[in-house]
Amino acid sequence: MRLSSPHKRMQFAIGGVVLMELTREDGLDLLEWLGLGRPEFGAIETRELLPRCRRRLWPEPRNTDPEKHRLMGTRGDTRWDVRPAGTLRLHTELLVATLMSFPYELFRFA
């Protein structure tokens, strides 16, 4: 089992403006859920990302994101953490609402 540090964060930005900041694990899970793999950093044009996000919002069983239990912390300071079901969907809804306003920008993550 892999430990995740609660201190490592990923930022998601457009035009230098940070849209959201997630734990590293949630950020990587979101990228993977959107079909981008699990890269530590990168960029994609918003017009390419928007259809991926919209597809994940279709009401289909494959688009559910279940609750996720994970062990957080560092040596000597560990605890269980739970990401509630539907969290990735909520992040995706936020992205769709924002990306629609910036169709020709570059979406960056790191």
C-alpha atoms as a PDB file:
ATOM      1  CA  MET A   1       0.000   0.000   0.000  1.00  0.00           C
ATOM      2  CA  ARG A   2       1.317   3.422  -0.955  1.00  0.00           C
ATOM      3  CA  LEU A   3       1.265   6.384   1.412  1.00  0.00           C
ATOM      4  CA  SER A   4       0.154   9.745   0.065  1.00  0.00           C
ATOM      5  CA  SER A   5       1.471  12.934   1.541  1.00  0.00           C
ATOM      6  CA  PRO A   6      -1.329  15.287   2.572  1.00  0.00           C
ATOM      7  CA  HIS A   7       1.035  18.192   1.867  1.00  0.00           C
ATOM      8  CA  LYS A   8       1.726  17.582  -1.830  1.00  0.00           C
ATOM      9  CA  ARG A   9      -0.697  19.516  -4.017  1.00  0.00           C
ATOM     10  CA  MET A  10      -1.499  19.798  -7.712  1.00  0.00           C
ATOM     11  CA  GLN A  11      -2.637  23.031  -9.291  1.00  0.00           C
ATOM     12  CA  PHE A  12      -4.869  23.370 -12.337  1.00  0.00           C
ATOM     13  CA  ALA A  13      -4.695  26.709 -14.155  1.00  0.00           C
ATOM     14  CA  ILE A  14      -5.676  28.642 -17.264  1.00  0.00           C
ATOM     15  CA  GLY A  15      -3.643  31.656 -18.326  1.00  0.00           C
ATOM     16  CA  GLY A  16      -1.697  31.676 -15.076  1.00  0.00           C
ATOM     17  CA  VAL A  17      -4.890  31.793 -12.974  1.00  0.00           C
ATOM     18  CA  VAL A  18      -5.213  28.818 -10.641  1.00  0.00           C
ATOM     19  CA  LEU A  19      -8.698  27.309 -10.976  1.00  0.00           C
ATOM     20  CA  MET A  20      -8.323  24.630  -8.353  1.00  0.00           C
ATOM     21  CA  GLU A  21      -5.765  23.005  -6.137  1.00  0.00           C
ATOM     22  CA  LEU A  22      -6.146  19.366  -5.130  1.00  0.00           C
ATOM     23  CA  THR A  23      -4.113  16.839  -3.219  1.00  0.00           C
ATOM     24  CA  ARG A  24      -1.600  15.178  -5.518  1.00  0.00           C
ATOM     25  CA  GLU A  25      -3.513  11.897  -5.397  1.00  0.00           C
ATOM     26  CA  ASP A  26      -6.889  13.509  -6.174  1.00  0.00           C
ATOM     27  CA  GLY A  27      -5.300  15.530  -8.983  1.00  0.00           C
ATOM     28  CA  LEU A  28      -3.780  12.430 -10.550  1.00  0.00           C
ATOM     29  CA  ASP A  29      -7.063  10.546 -10.130  1.00  0.00           C
ATOM     30  CA  LEU A  30      -8.930  13.389 -11.848  1.00  0.00           C
ATOM     31  CA  LEU A  31      -6.544  13.410 -14.803  1.00  0.00           C
ATOM     32  CA  GLU A  32      -6.815   9.636 -15.124  1.00  0.00           C
ATOM     33  CA  TRP A  33     -10.622   9.777 -14.826  1.00  0.00           C
ATOM     34  CA  LEU A  34     -10.668  12.276 -17.704  1.00  0.00           C
ATOM     35  CA  GLY A  35      -8.580   9.922 -19.844  1.00  0.00           C
ATOM     36  CA  LEU A  36      -5.278  11.791 -19.628  1.00  0.00           C
ATOM     37  CA  GLY A  37      -3.317   9.185 -17.694  1.00  0.00           C
ATOM     38  CA  ARG A  38      -1.495  10.143 -14.486  1.00  0.00           C
ATOM     39  CA  PRO A  39       1.113  12.717 -15.545  1.00  0.00           C
ATOM     40  CA  GLU A  40       2.752  14.836 -12.844  1.00  0.00           C
ATOM     41  CA  PHE A  41       2.553  17.935 -15.041  1.00  0.00           C
ATOM     42  CA  GLY A  42       1.440  18.951 -18.496  1.00  0.00           C
ATOM     43  CA  ALA A  43      -0.954  20.979 -20.584  1.00  0.00           C
ATOM     44  CA  ILE A  44      -3.874  20.439 -22.936  1.00  0.00           C
ATOM     45  CA  GLU A  45      -5.902  22.873 -24.993  1.00  0.00           C
ATOM     46  CA  THR A  46      -9.239  23.606 -23.361  1.00  0.00           C
ATOM     47  CA  ARG A  47     -11.154  22.789 -26.559  1.00  0.00           C
ATOM     48  CA  GLU A  48      -9.697  19.255 -26.337  1.00  0.00           C
ATOM     49  CA  LEU A  49     -10.346  18.878 -22.619  1.00  0.00           C
ATOM     50  CA  LEU A  50     -13.936  20.132 -22.617  1.00  0.00           C
ATOM     51  CA  PRO A  51     -15.422  17.150 -24.554  1.00  0.00           C
ATOM     52  CA  ARG A  52     -13.619  14.726 -22.204  1.00  0.00           C
ATOM     53  CA  CYS A  53     -15.159  16.487 -19.227  1.00  0.00           C
ATOM     54  CA  ARG A  54     -18.643  16.555 -20.750  1.00  0.00           C
ATOM     55  CA  ARG A  55     -18.529  12.814 -21.512  1.00  0.00           C
ATOM     56  CA  ARG A  56     -17.766  12.130 -17.847  1.00  0.00           C
ATOM     57  CA  LEU A  57     -20.913  14.011 -16.854  1.00  0.00           C
ATOM     58  CA  TRP A  58     -23.229  11.782 -18.904  1.00  0.00           C
ATOM     59  CA  PRO A  59     -25.574   9.841 -16.583  1.00  0.00           C
ATOM     60  CA  GLU A  60     -24.068   6.390 -17.163  1.00  0.00           C
ATOM     61  CA  PRO A  61     -22.849   3.804 -14.642  1.00  0.00           C
ATOM     62  CA  ARG A  62     -19.265   4.009 -15.981  1.00  0.00           C
ATOM     63  CA  ASN A  63     -19.183   7.686 -15.029  1.00  0.00           C
ATOM     64  CA  THR A  64     -19.634   7.156 -11.301  1.00  0.00           C
ATOM     65  CA  ASP A  65     -16.636   7.751  -9.102  1.00  0.00           C
ATOM     66  CA  PRO A  66     -16.882   5.732  -5.901  1.00  0.00           C
ATOM     67  CA  GLU A  67     -15.701   6.623  -2.452  1.00  0.00           C
ATOM     68  CA  LYS A  68     -11.936   6.097  -2.128  1.00  0.00           C
ATOM     69  CA  HIS A  69     -10.103   5.118   1.041  1.00  0.00           C
ATOM     70  CA  ARG A  70      -6.410   5.905   1.207  1.00  0.00           C
ATOM     71  CA  LEU A  71      -3.647   5.963   3.765  1.00  0.00           C
ATOM     72  CA  MET A  72      -2.286   9.484   4.183  1.00  0.00           C
ATOM     73  CA  GLY A  73       0.775  10.833   5.943  1.00  0.00           C
ATOM     74  CA  THR A  74       4.433  10.266   6.391  1.00  0.00           C
ATOM     75  CA  ARG A  75       6.368   7.903   8.608  1.00  0.00           C
ATOM     76  CA  GLY A  76       5.100   8.064  12.139  1.00  0.00           C
ATOM     77  CA  ASP A  77       2.144  10.271  11.154  1.00  0.00           C
ATOM     78  CA  THR A  78      -0.323   8.149   9.229  1.00  0.00           C
ATOM     79  CA  ARG A  79      -4.107   8.177   9.067  1.00  0.00           C
ATOM     80  CA  TRP A  80      -6.885   6.970   6.825  1.00  0.00           C
ATOM     81  CA  ASP A  81      -8.584   9.506   4.619  1.00  0.00           C
ATOM     82  CA  VAL A  82     -11.734   9.119   2.548  1.00  0.00           C
ATOM     83  CA  ARG A  83     -12.599  10.927  -0.664  1.00  0.00           C
ATOM     84  CA  PRO A  84     -16.411  10.938  -0.847  1.00  0.00           C
ATOM     85  CA  ALA A  85     -18.161   9.409  -3.839  1.00  0.00           C
ATOM     86  CA  GLY A  86     -18.879  11.986  -6.533  1.00  0.00           C
ATOM     87  CA  THR A  87     -15.861  14.176  -5.797  1.00  0.00           C
ATOM     88  CA  LEU A  88     -14.278  13.726  -9.246  1.00  0.00           C
ATOM     89  CA  ARG A  89     -17.636  14.513 -10.828  1.00  0.00           C
ATOM     90  CA  LEU A  90     -17.886  17.770  -8.843  1.00  0.00           C
ATOM     91  CA  HIS A  91     -14.386  18.790  -9.949  1.00  0.00           C
ATOM     92  CA  THR A  92     -15.359  17.987 -13.531  1.00  0.00           C
ATOM     93  CA  GLU A  93     -18.513  20.106 -13.304  1.00  0.00           C
ATOM     94  CA  LEU A  94     -16.375  23.025 -12.117  1.00  0.00           C
ATOM     95  CA  LEU A  95     -13.973  22.503 -15.008  1.00  0.00           C
ATOM     96  CA  VAL A  96     -16.790  22.451 -17.587  1.00  0.00           C
ATOM     97  CA  ALA A  97     -18.269  25.683 -16.247  1.00  0.00           C
ATOM     98  CA  THR A  98     -14.849  27.364 -16.396  1.00  0.00           C
ATOM     99  CA  LEU A  99     -13.528  25.897 -19.651  1.00  0.00           C
ATOM    100  CA  MET A 100     -16.560  27.110 -21.586  1.00  0.00           C
ATOM    101  CA  SER A 101     -15.398  30.684 -20.928  1.00  0.00           C
ATOM    102  CA  PHE A 102     -11.880  29.983 -22.232  1.00  0.00           C
ATOM    103  CA  PRO A 103     -12.244  27.832 -25.394  1.00  0.00           C
ATOM    104  CA  TYR A 104      -8.848  28.733 -26.878  1.00  0.00           C
ATOM    105  CA  GLU A 105      -6.624  28.733 -23.802  1.00  0.00           C
ATOM    106  CA  LEU A 106      -4.104  26.231 -22.555  1.00  0.00           C
ATOM    107  CA  PHE A 107      -5.112  24.277 -19.447  1.00  0.00           C
ATOM    108  CA  ARG A 108      -2.009  23.521 -17.336  1.00  0.00           C
ATOM    109  CA  PHE A 109      -1.519  21.192 -14.411  1.00  0.00           C
ATOM    110  CA  ALA A 110       1.394  20.520 -12.089  1.00  0.00           C
END
